[in-house]
Amino acid sequence: MFSKKKFIFILVVVALITGGIGFYGGTHYVPIRTIINQPISSEPDTRVDFSTFWQTWNAVNDNFVNADQLDKQKLIYGATSGLVDALDDPHSIFFTPEEAQIFEENLSGTFEGVGMEIGIKENQLVIISPLDNTPAQKAGLLPGDRIIKIDEQLTQSLNLEQCVQFIRGPKETTVTLTVSRENSFQEKEFMLTRAKIEIPTIKWEFEEPDIAYLKIYHFYGNTTQEFNHSSLDILSHPSIKKIVLDLRNNPGGYLNTAKDIAGWFLEPGQVVAIEQFSADNNNTITAQGNGKLANYPIVVLINQGSASAAEILAGALRDNREIKLIGEKSFGKGSVQEPINLEDSSMLKLTIAKWLTPNETSIDNTGLIPDIKVEMSEEDYQNDRDPQLDKAIEIIKLQNY
């Protein structure tokens, strides 16, 4: 038997966590919805001819020059990993027991690394989002940066887990990333000193006397509770009439967390997203919350670091309420992954569905296009300027309540 927890996982597993999720993903958060436990058969599939595998297995064990030193369990894990790699889906991954343990431990909210989410996009290792006040952000790494090398290792010769292992390390140690930036053919090296990383959840503050600035950093299990507290705090201030919702550099998380938060902004029964398991098998996810923020004028900030569950929430607000999206095109993570715990404590993270916005729009590999495009330059980041937030405040001021 195995337990399965469904969430949208932006396969970013990584650099943060791994110290590189990305800091994403994990099973230590308790999901609101779980899939009913069901057995995984260990019996061979008689519909498939495994003779090639067994011939290779026997040839290796009988003839390899160092056959007496072979770790046969390692061979099994290698073969299993190859099976999953053959799916040609960068979001489906096999973890050995050791990797699965690290995967779960990395989601405790505190770990050692460089503080960024990484993922695969167009067969290239890219930075989804550097986290605030981390070595990655302080060094000047930006969403969309392509990581060409980790120290002296070319990333195109590595899978995601290997990238994680190379970036990971204890605090006070260093790792050098060779990066190429969008719209630039030049490569630049960044030497990062790993540190203890603590992931924030929610932040809100007054931006104007009647405007609340509300930032969601991720959609993990504890985000719902933190968001509930912040929302009630906002509601306790009668002067607040409008909200700027910041989903920039939010790599996503649990689908159900996004649904719960959407329930504050939408009326019960409105569609949050559609899970598409196959051409004729869809599951409509609807808002079930209190809708207490449904009448507040809102604008939403997105950028290349907005992915997965962040894109679900942004898409739901735009499709249902015609809320303006401001900033840059989002990452484009439109698939659902499910972790499957195997009997020997190894784990399979498998893509089981695509998701669509309420208007049945797929954003996989395309992203959400902002209604108002505002780019952030490298100079903006370096000088602590935020033209995207400035535009959001300008637009929200024009909205009536």
Protein backbone atom coordinates (compact mmCIF):
# COMPACT_ATOMS: atom_id res chain seq x y z
CA MET A 1 0.00 0.00 0.00
CA PHE A 2 1.12 3.54 -0.48
CA SER A 3 -0.07 6.99 0.45
CA LYS A 4 -0.42 9.64 -2.21
CA LYS A 5 -0.74 13.37 -1.75
CA LYS A 6 -1.81 15.38 -4.75
CA PHE A 7 -0.42 18.79 -5.38
CA ILE A 8 0.76 20.89 -8.25
CA PHE A 9 4.49 20.52 -8.20
CA ILE A 10 6.45 22.90 -10.31
CA LEU A 11 9.33 20.64 -10.53
CA VAL A 12 11.45 23.06 -9.60
CA VAL A 13 12.73 20.97 -6.99
CA VAL A 14 15.66 22.62 -6.32
CA ALA A 15 18.20 25.03 -5.84
CA LEU A 16 16.67 26.34 -2.78
CA ILE A 17 15.84 23.22 -1.33
CA THR A 18 18.52 21.72 -2.72
CA GLY A 19 20.03 24.27 -1.38
CA GLY A 20 19.32 23.62 -3.69
CA ILE A 21 12.62 22.72 -5.72
CA GLY A 22 13.45 24.43 -5.78
CA PHE A 23 12.05 24.83 -2.38
CA TYR A 24 9.04 23.20 -3.53
CA GLY A 25 7.03 20.31 -3.23
CA GLY A 26 7.02 18.07 -0.24
CA THR A 27 5.00 15.66 1.65
CA HIS A 28 5.50 16.96 5.15
CA TYR A 29 2.66 19.41 4.54
CA VAL A 30 -0.72 17.86 5.16
CA PRO A 31 -2.86 18.20 2.03
CA ILE A 32 -6.52 19.00 2.28
CA ARG A 33 -7.40 16.32 -0.20
CA THR A 34 -5.72 12.95 -0.49
CA ILE A 35 -6.12 10.19 -3.01
CA ILE A 36 -7.60 6.99 -1.59
CA ASN A 37 -4.86 4.47 -0.82
CA GLN A 38 -4.66 1.70 -3.35
CA PRO A 39 -2.18 -1.13 -3.85
CA ILE A 40 0.57 -1.07 -6.46
CA SER A 41 1.06 -4.50 -7.94
CA SER A 42 4.58 -5.90 -7.86
CA GLU A 43 3.64 -8.69 -10.28
CA PRO A 44 5.28 -8.52 -13.73
CA ASP A 45 3.21 -7.15 -16.60
CA THR A 46 2.80 -10.17 -18.86
CA ARG A 47 1.77 -7.93 -21.75
CA VAL A 48 5.35 -6.68 -22.07
CA ASP A 49 8.44 -8.60 -23.18
CA PHE A 50 11.10 -8.06 -20.49
CA SER A 51 13.59 -10.42 -22.09
CA THR A 52 15.87 -7.60 -23.25
CA PHE A 53 16.13 -6.27 -19.70
CA TRP A 54 16.91 -9.67 -18.22
CA GLN A 55 19.41 -10.50 -20.93
CA THR A 56 21.19 -7.23 -20.18
CA TRP A 57 20.99 -7.86 -16.43
CA ASN A 58 22.50 -11.30 -16.78
CA ALA A 59 25.18 -10.13 -19.19
CA VAL A 60 26.26 -7.39 -16.79
CA ASN A 61 26.30 -9.65 -13.76
CA ASP A 62 28.07 -12.49 -15.60
CA ASN A 63 30.59 -10.58 -17.69
CA PHE A 64 31.27 -7.10 -16.28
CA VAL A 65 34.92 -6.83 -15.31
CA ASN A 66 34.09 -5.83 -11.73
CA ALA A 67 30.94 -7.93 -11.40
CA ASP A 68 31.88 -8.98 -7.88
CA GLN A 69 31.72 -5.33 -6.78
CA LEU A 70 28.34 -4.50 -8.28
CA ASP A 71 25.69 -2.96 -6.05
CA LYS A 72 22.63 -4.71 -7.45
CA GLN A 73 20.16 -2.44 -5.68
CA LYS A 74 21.88 0.52 -7.32
CA LEU A 75 21.39 -1.20 -10.68
CA ILE A 76 17.67 -1.61 -9.96
CA TYR A 77 17.33 2.06 -9.04
CA GLY A 78 19.24 3.05 -12.16
CA ALA A 79 16.94 0.95 -14.34
CA THR A 80 13.87 2.39 -12.61
CA SER A 81 15.12 5.93 -13.07
CA GLY A 82 15.73 5.19 -16.75
CA LEU A 83 12.16 3.95 -17.11
CA VAL A 84 10.80 7.21 -15.72
CA ASP A 85 13.24 9.28 -17.79
CA ALA A 86 11.91 7.52 -20.90
CA LEU A 87 8.56 9.26 -20.31
CA ASP A 88 10.24 12.43 -21.64
CA ASP A 89 8.46 14.40 -18.94
CA PRO A 90 10.79 16.61 -16.88
CA HIS A 91 8.23 16.71 -14.07
CA SER A 92 8.10 12.92 -13.53
CA ILE A 93 10.99 11.78 -11.35
CA PHE A 94 12.10 8.69 -9.45
CA PHE A 95 13.74 9.21 -6.05
CA THR A 96 15.84 6.59 -4.26
CA PRO A 97 15.04 6.24 -0.54
CA GLU A 98 17.88 8.62 0.31
CA GLU A 99 16.72 11.18 -2.26
CA ALA A 100 13.10 10.82 -1.14
CA GLN A 101 14.11 11.51 2.46
CA ILE A 102 16.01 14.63 1.42
CA PHE A 103 13.08 15.69 -0.74
CA GLU A 104 10.75 15.59 2.26
CA GLU A 105 13.19 17.08 4.76
CA ASN A 106 13.82 20.03 2.44
CA LEU A 107 10.23 21.11 2.93
CA SER A 108 10.53 21.80 6.62
CA GLY A 109 10.74 25.50 5.81
CA THR A 110 14.34 25.82 6.94
CA PHE A 111 17.38 24.33 5.24
CA GLU A 112 20.83 25.14 3.95
CA GLY A 113 21.40 26.17 0.36
CA VAL A 114 21.45 29.17 -1.96
CA GLY A 115 17.76 30.14 -1.81
CA MET A 116 16.21 29.75 -5.23
CA GLU A 117 13.76 27.64 -7.19
CA ILE A 118 15.03 25.98 -10.34
CA GLY A 119 13.32 23.90 -12.98
CA ILE A 120 13.51 22.63 -16.53
CA LYS A 121 12.04 24.73 -19.32
CA GLU A 122 12.63 24.04 -23.00
CA ASN A 123 15.26 21.47 -22.00
CA GLN A 124 17.27 24.08 -20.13
CA LEU A 125 17.89 24.44 -16.40
CA VAL A 126 16.43 27.81 -15.42
CA ILE A 127 15.93 29.84 -12.28
CA ILE A 128 12.24 30.10 -11.46
CA SER A 129 12.67 32.51 -8.60
CA PRO A 130 15.33 33.58 -6.11
CA LEU A 131 13.95 33.99 -2.61
CA ASP A 132 14.06 37.27 -0.75
CA ASN A 133 17.16 37.96 1.32
CA THR A 134 19.03 34.80 0.24
CA PRO A 135 22.48 34.28 -1.32
CA ALA A 136 20.86 33.82 -4.75
CA GLN A 137 18.99 37.11 -4.58
CA LYS A 138 21.88 39.05 -3.03
CA ALA A 139 24.20 37.83 -5.79
CA GLY A 140 21.86 39.31 -8.41
CA LEU A 141 20.36 36.15 -9.91
CA LEU A 142 17.03 36.79 -11.63
CA PRO A 143 13.96 34.78 -12.68
CA GLY A 144 14.52 33.32 -16.12
CA ASP A 145 18.30 33.10 -15.82
CA ARG A 146 19.60 29.96 -17.54
CA ILE A 147 22.13 27.94 -15.55
CA ILE A 148 24.75 26.67 -17.98
CA LYS A 149 27.24 25.21 -15.51
CA ILE A 150 27.36 24.29 -11.84
CA ASP A 151 31.00 24.70 -10.91
CA GLU A 152 32.63 22.98 -13.90
CA GLN A 153 29.75 20.63 -14.69
CA LEU A 154 27.59 21.41 -17.73
CA THR A 155 23.93 21.23 -16.73
CA GLN A 156 22.70 19.85 -20.07
CA SER A 157 24.52 16.63 -19.25
CA LEU A 158 22.69 16.35 -15.90
CA ASN A 159 19.16 15.49 -14.86
CA LEU A 160 17.36 17.61 -12.31
CA GLU A 161 18.31 15.45 -9.34
CA GLN A 162 21.98 15.64 -10.28
CA CYS A 163 21.73 19.41 -10.51
CA VAL A 164 20.23 19.38 -7.05
CA GLN A 165 23.12 17.35 -5.70
CA PHE A 166 25.73 19.64 -7.23
CA ILE A 167 24.06 22.82 -5.97
CA ARG A 168 23.29 21.41 -2.53
CA GLY A 169 25.77 21.78 0.31
CA PRO A 170 26.28 22.89 3.90
CA LYS A 171 26.27 26.55 4.85
CA GLU A 172 29.51 28.50 4.50
CA THR A 173 30.56 26.40 1.48
CA THR A 174 30.52 27.86 -2.03
CA VAL A 175 29.14 26.94 -5.45
CA THR A 176 29.76 28.76 -8.73
CA LEU A 177 26.94 29.05 -11.26
CA THR A 178 27.58 30.06 -14.86
CA VAL A 179 24.47 31.85 -16.09
CA SER A 180 23.20 33.29 -19.35
CA ARG A 181 20.55 35.96 -19.09
CA GLU A 182 17.51 36.34 -21.31
CA ASN A 183 18.16 38.49 -24.39
CA SER A 184 21.88 38.20 -23.82
CA PHE A 185 24.46 35.87 -25.33
CA GLN A 186 27.03 36.61 -22.65
CA GLU A 187 27.67 34.23 -19.79
CA LYS A 188 28.37 35.41 -16.27
CA GLU A 189 29.69 33.56 -13.23
CA PHE A 190 28.10 33.90 -9.80
CA MET A 191 29.92 32.46 -6.80
CA LEU A 192 27.42 31.84 -4.00
CA THR A 193 28.12 31.05 -0.38
CA ARG A 194 25.49 28.63 0.88
CA ALA A 195 23.54 29.66 3.97
CA LYS A 196 20.67 28.65 6.21
CA ILE A 197 17.48 29.41 4.29
CA GLU A 198 14.15 30.20 5.91
CA ILE A 199 11.16 30.40 3.61
CA PRO A 200 8.60 33.13 4.37
CA THR A 201 4.91 32.45 3.77
CA ILE A 202 2.72 35.56 3.76
CA LYS A 203 3.38 39.26 4.12
CA TRP A 204 0.94 42.13 4.15
CA GLU A 205 1.27 45.84 4.81
CA PHE A 206 -0.43 49.16 4.09
CA GLU A 207 0.62 50.51 0.71
CA GLU A 208 -1.78 53.45 0.93
CA PRO A 209 -4.33 54.26 3.66
CA ASP A 210 -6.98 52.30 1.74
CA ILE A 211 -4.75 49.77 -0.10
CA ALA A 212 -3.37 46.53 1.34
CA TYR A 213 -0.30 44.97 -0.25
CA LEU A 214 -0.57 41.19 0.18
CA LYS A 215 2.28 38.91 -0.93
CA ILE A 216 2.04 35.11 -1.05
CA TYR A 217 5.45 33.40 -1.29
CA HIS A 218 4.24 29.83 -1.94
CA PHE A 219 1.25 27.49 -1.60
CA TYR A 220 2.36 24.91 0.93
CA GLY A 221 0.36 23.28 3.68
CA ASN A 222 0.91 26.06 6.20
CA THR A 223 0.07 28.82 3.69
CA THR A 224 -3.69 28.44 4.14
CA GLN A 225 -3.53 29.10 7.87
CA GLU A 226 -1.15 32.04 7.45
CA PHE A 227 -3.33 33.50 4.69
CA ASN A 228 -6.45 33.14 6.83
CA HIS A 229 -4.80 35.10 9.64
CA SER A 230 -3.62 37.84 7.27
CA SER A 231 -7.02 38.12 5.59
CA LEU A 232 -8.84 38.46 8.88
CA ASP A 233 -6.31 41.11 9.88
CA ILE A 234 -6.98 43.01 6.65
CA LEU A 235 -10.73 42.72 7.20
CA SER A 236 -10.30 44.15 10.70
CA HIS A 237 -9.12 47.45 9.19
CA PRO A 238 -12.21 49.27 7.83
CA SER A 239 -10.00 51.77 6.00
CA ILE A 240 -8.71 49.08 3.62
CA LYS A 241 -10.86 49.02 0.51
CA LYS A 242 -8.51 47.60 -2.17
CA ILE A 243 -5.83 44.91 -2.45
CA VAL A 244 -2.66 44.48 -4.49
CA LEU A 245 -2.01 40.73 -4.57
CA ASP A 246 1.64 39.91 -5.30
CA LEU A 247 2.29 36.44 -6.75
CA ARG A 248 5.69 37.27 -8.23
CA ASN A 249 8.43 34.69 -7.67
CA ASN A 250 5.84 32.33 -6.22
CA PRO A 251 6.72 28.85 -7.54
CA GLY A 252 3.43 27.28 -6.49
CA GLY A 253 2.70 24.33 -4.24
CA TYR A 254 -0.44 22.43 -3.35
CA LEU A 255 -3.42 22.65 -5.65
CA ASN A 256 -5.77 22.49 -2.68
CA THR A 257 -4.01 25.39 -0.98
CA ALA A 258 -4.60 27.50 -4.08
CA LYS A 259 -8.25 26.42 -4.03
CA ASP A 260 -8.64 27.38 -0.37
CA ILE A 261 -7.13 30.83 -0.92
CA ALA A 262 -9.22 31.35 -4.05
CA GLY A 263 -12.26 30.74 -1.83
CA TRP A 264 -11.63 34.09 -0.14
CA PHE A 265 -11.64 35.98 -3.46
CA LEU A 266 -14.40 34.08 -5.31
CA GLU A 267 -18.02 33.25 -4.61
CA PRO A 268 -18.71 29.63 -3.58
CA GLY A 269 -19.15 27.43 -6.62
CA GLN A 270 -17.07 29.52 -9.01
CA VAL A 271 -14.50 27.49 -10.94
CA VAL A 272 -10.90 27.69 -9.73
CA ALA A 273 -9.33 25.28 -12.23
CA ILE A 274 -10.04 22.21 -14.32
CA GLU A 275 -7.96 19.04 -14.00
CA GLN A 276 -7.70 17.26 -17.35
CA PHE A 277 -6.75 13.62 -16.80
CA SER A 278 -7.53 12.68 -20.41
CA ALA A 279 -9.49 14.03 -23.33
CA ASP A 280 -12.79 12.82 -21.82
CA ASN A 281 -11.98 12.81 -18.11
CA ASN A 282 -11.99 16.20 -16.42
CA ASN A 283 -12.43 17.26 -12.81
CA THR A 284 -13.75 20.74 -12.08
CA ILE A 285 -12.36 22.35 -8.92
CA THR A 286 -14.63 24.99 -7.44
CA ALA A 287 -14.26 27.59 -4.72
CA GLN A 288 -15.71 26.53 -1.37
CA GLY A 289 -14.56 29.39 0.86
CA ASN A 290 -16.23 32.32 2.55
CA GLY A 291 -15.81 34.83 -0.29
CA LYS A 292 -15.08 37.64 2.18
CA LEU A 293 -12.65 39.34 -0.22
CA ALA A 294 -14.82 38.79 -3.29
CA ASN A 295 -16.02 42.40 -3.42
CA TYR A 296 -12.63 44.06 -2.93
CA PRO A 297 -11.11 45.65 -6.05
CA ILE A 298 -7.89 43.72 -6.71
CA VAL A 299 -4.97 43.71 -9.11
CA VAL A 300 -2.48 40.83 -9.32
CA LEU A 301 1.28 41.00 -9.89
CA ILE A 302 2.94 38.15 -11.81
CA ASN A 303 6.34 37.51 -13.40
CA GLN A 304 8.48 34.67 -14.75
CA GLY A 305 8.76 33.29 -11.24
CA SER A 306 4.98 32.88 -10.88
CA ALA A 307 4.26 29.23 -11.51
CA SER A 308 1.95 26.32 -10.88
CA ALA A 309 -0.51 27.08 -8.06
CA ALA A 310 0.32 30.80 -8.35
CA GLU A 311 -0.78 30.67 -11.98
CA ILE A 312 -3.93 28.79 -10.99
CA LEU A 313 -4.96 31.54 -8.56
CA ALA A 314 -4.07 34.33 -10.99
CA GLY A 315 -5.95 32.63 -13.84
CA ALA A 316 -9.00 32.00 -11.66
CA LEU A 317 -9.20 35.64 -10.58
CA ARG A 318 -8.86 36.92 -14.13
CA ASP A 319 -11.34 34.46 -15.67
CA ASN A 320 -13.97 34.87 -12.95
CA ARG A 321 -13.61 38.52 -11.99
CA GLU A 322 -11.75 40.10 -14.92
CA ILE A 323 -9.02 41.12 -12.50
CA LYS A 324 -6.02 42.70 -14.21
CA LEU A 325 -2.70 40.86 -14.22
CA ILE A 326 0.27 43.23 -14.14
CA GLY A 327 3.95 42.50 -14.73
CA GLU A 328 5.55 39.86 -16.95
CA LYS A 329 4.49 36.55 -18.50
CA SER A 330 4.32 33.76 -15.93
CA PHE A 331 6.37 30.57 -16.02
CA GLY A 332 3.85 28.24 -17.64
CA LYS A 333 3.59 25.20 -15.36
CA GLY A 334 0.31 23.56 -16.27
CA SER A 335 0.59 19.99 -15.06
CA VAL A 336 -0.26 18.13 -11.87
CA GLN A 337 2.20 15.80 -10.16
CA GLU A 338 1.44 13.16 -7.55
CA PRO A 339 4.05 11.67 -5.19
CA ILE A 340 3.76 7.89 -4.87
CA ASN A 341 5.59 6.32 -1.94
CA LEU A 342 6.96 2.90 -2.86
CA GLU A 343 7.46 -0.08 -0.54
CA ASP A 344 11.20 0.39 0.04
CA SER A 345 10.77 4.12 0.87
CA SER A 346 11.73 5.21 -2.63
CA MET A 347 9.33 7.61 -4.31
CA LEU A 348 7.87 8.27 -7.75
CA LYS A 349 6.69 11.77 -8.59
CA LEU A 350 4.43 11.28 -11.58
CA THR A 351 2.53 13.66 -13.84
CA ILE A 352 -1.11 12.56 -13.70
CA ALA A 353 -3.00 15.47 -15.25
CA LYS A 354 -2.91 18.84 -16.94
CA TRP A 355 -4.78 21.77 -15.52
CA LEU A 356 -6.76 24.48 -17.31
CA THR A 357 -7.98 27.90 -16.22
CA PRO A 358 -11.75 28.30 -15.66
CA ASN A 359 -12.09 29.44 -19.29
CA GLU A 360 -10.47 26.12 -20.30
CA THR A 361 -7.19 27.76 -21.30
CA SER A 362 -3.99 25.74 -21.01
CA ILE A 363 -0.93 27.71 -19.94
CA ASP A 364 1.54 24.80 -19.98
CA ASN A 365 4.82 26.03 -21.49
CA THR A 366 3.14 29.30 -22.46
CA GLY A 367 2.27 31.04 -19.21
CA LEU A 368 -0.25 33.74 -18.41
CA ILE A 369 0.13 36.91 -20.48
CA PRO A 370 -0.29 40.01 -18.29
CA ASP A 371 -3.01 42.49 -19.17
CA ILE A 372 -0.53 45.28 -18.46
CA LYS A 373 3.07 44.43 -19.26
CA VAL A 374 5.69 46.04 -17.06
CA GLU A 375 9.23 44.70 -17.12
CA MET A 376 11.80 44.81 -14.36
CA SER A 377 15.31 45.66 -15.53
CA GLU A 378 18.51 44.46 -13.92
CA GLU A 379 19.07 48.05 -12.80
CA ASP A 380 15.64 48.07 -11.14
CA TYR A 381 16.59 45.01 -9.08
CA GLN A 382 19.98 46.45 -8.18
CA ASN A 383 18.54 49.81 -7.11
CA ASP A 384 15.54 48.42 -5.25
CA ARG A 385 13.06 49.96 -7.69
CA ASP A 386 9.72 48.29 -8.38
CA PRO A 387 7.94 49.72 -11.44
CA GLN A 388 5.56 46.74 -11.46
CA LEU A 389 4.27 47.54 -7.98
CA ASP A 390 4.15 51.24 -8.88
CA LYS A 391 1.92 50.42 -11.87
CA ALA A 392 -0.27 48.14 -9.75
CA ILE A 393 -0.90 50.94 -7.26
CA GLU A 394 -1.62 53.36 -10.10
CA ILE A 395 -4.19 51.00 -11.61
CA ILE A 396 -5.88 50.00 -8.33
CA LYS A 397 -6.35 53.67 -7.43
CA LEU A 398 -8.54 54.05 -10.52
CA GLN A 399 -10.88 51.26 -9.47
CA ASN A 400 -14.06 52.10 -7.62
CA TYR A 401 -15.58 50.31 -4.66
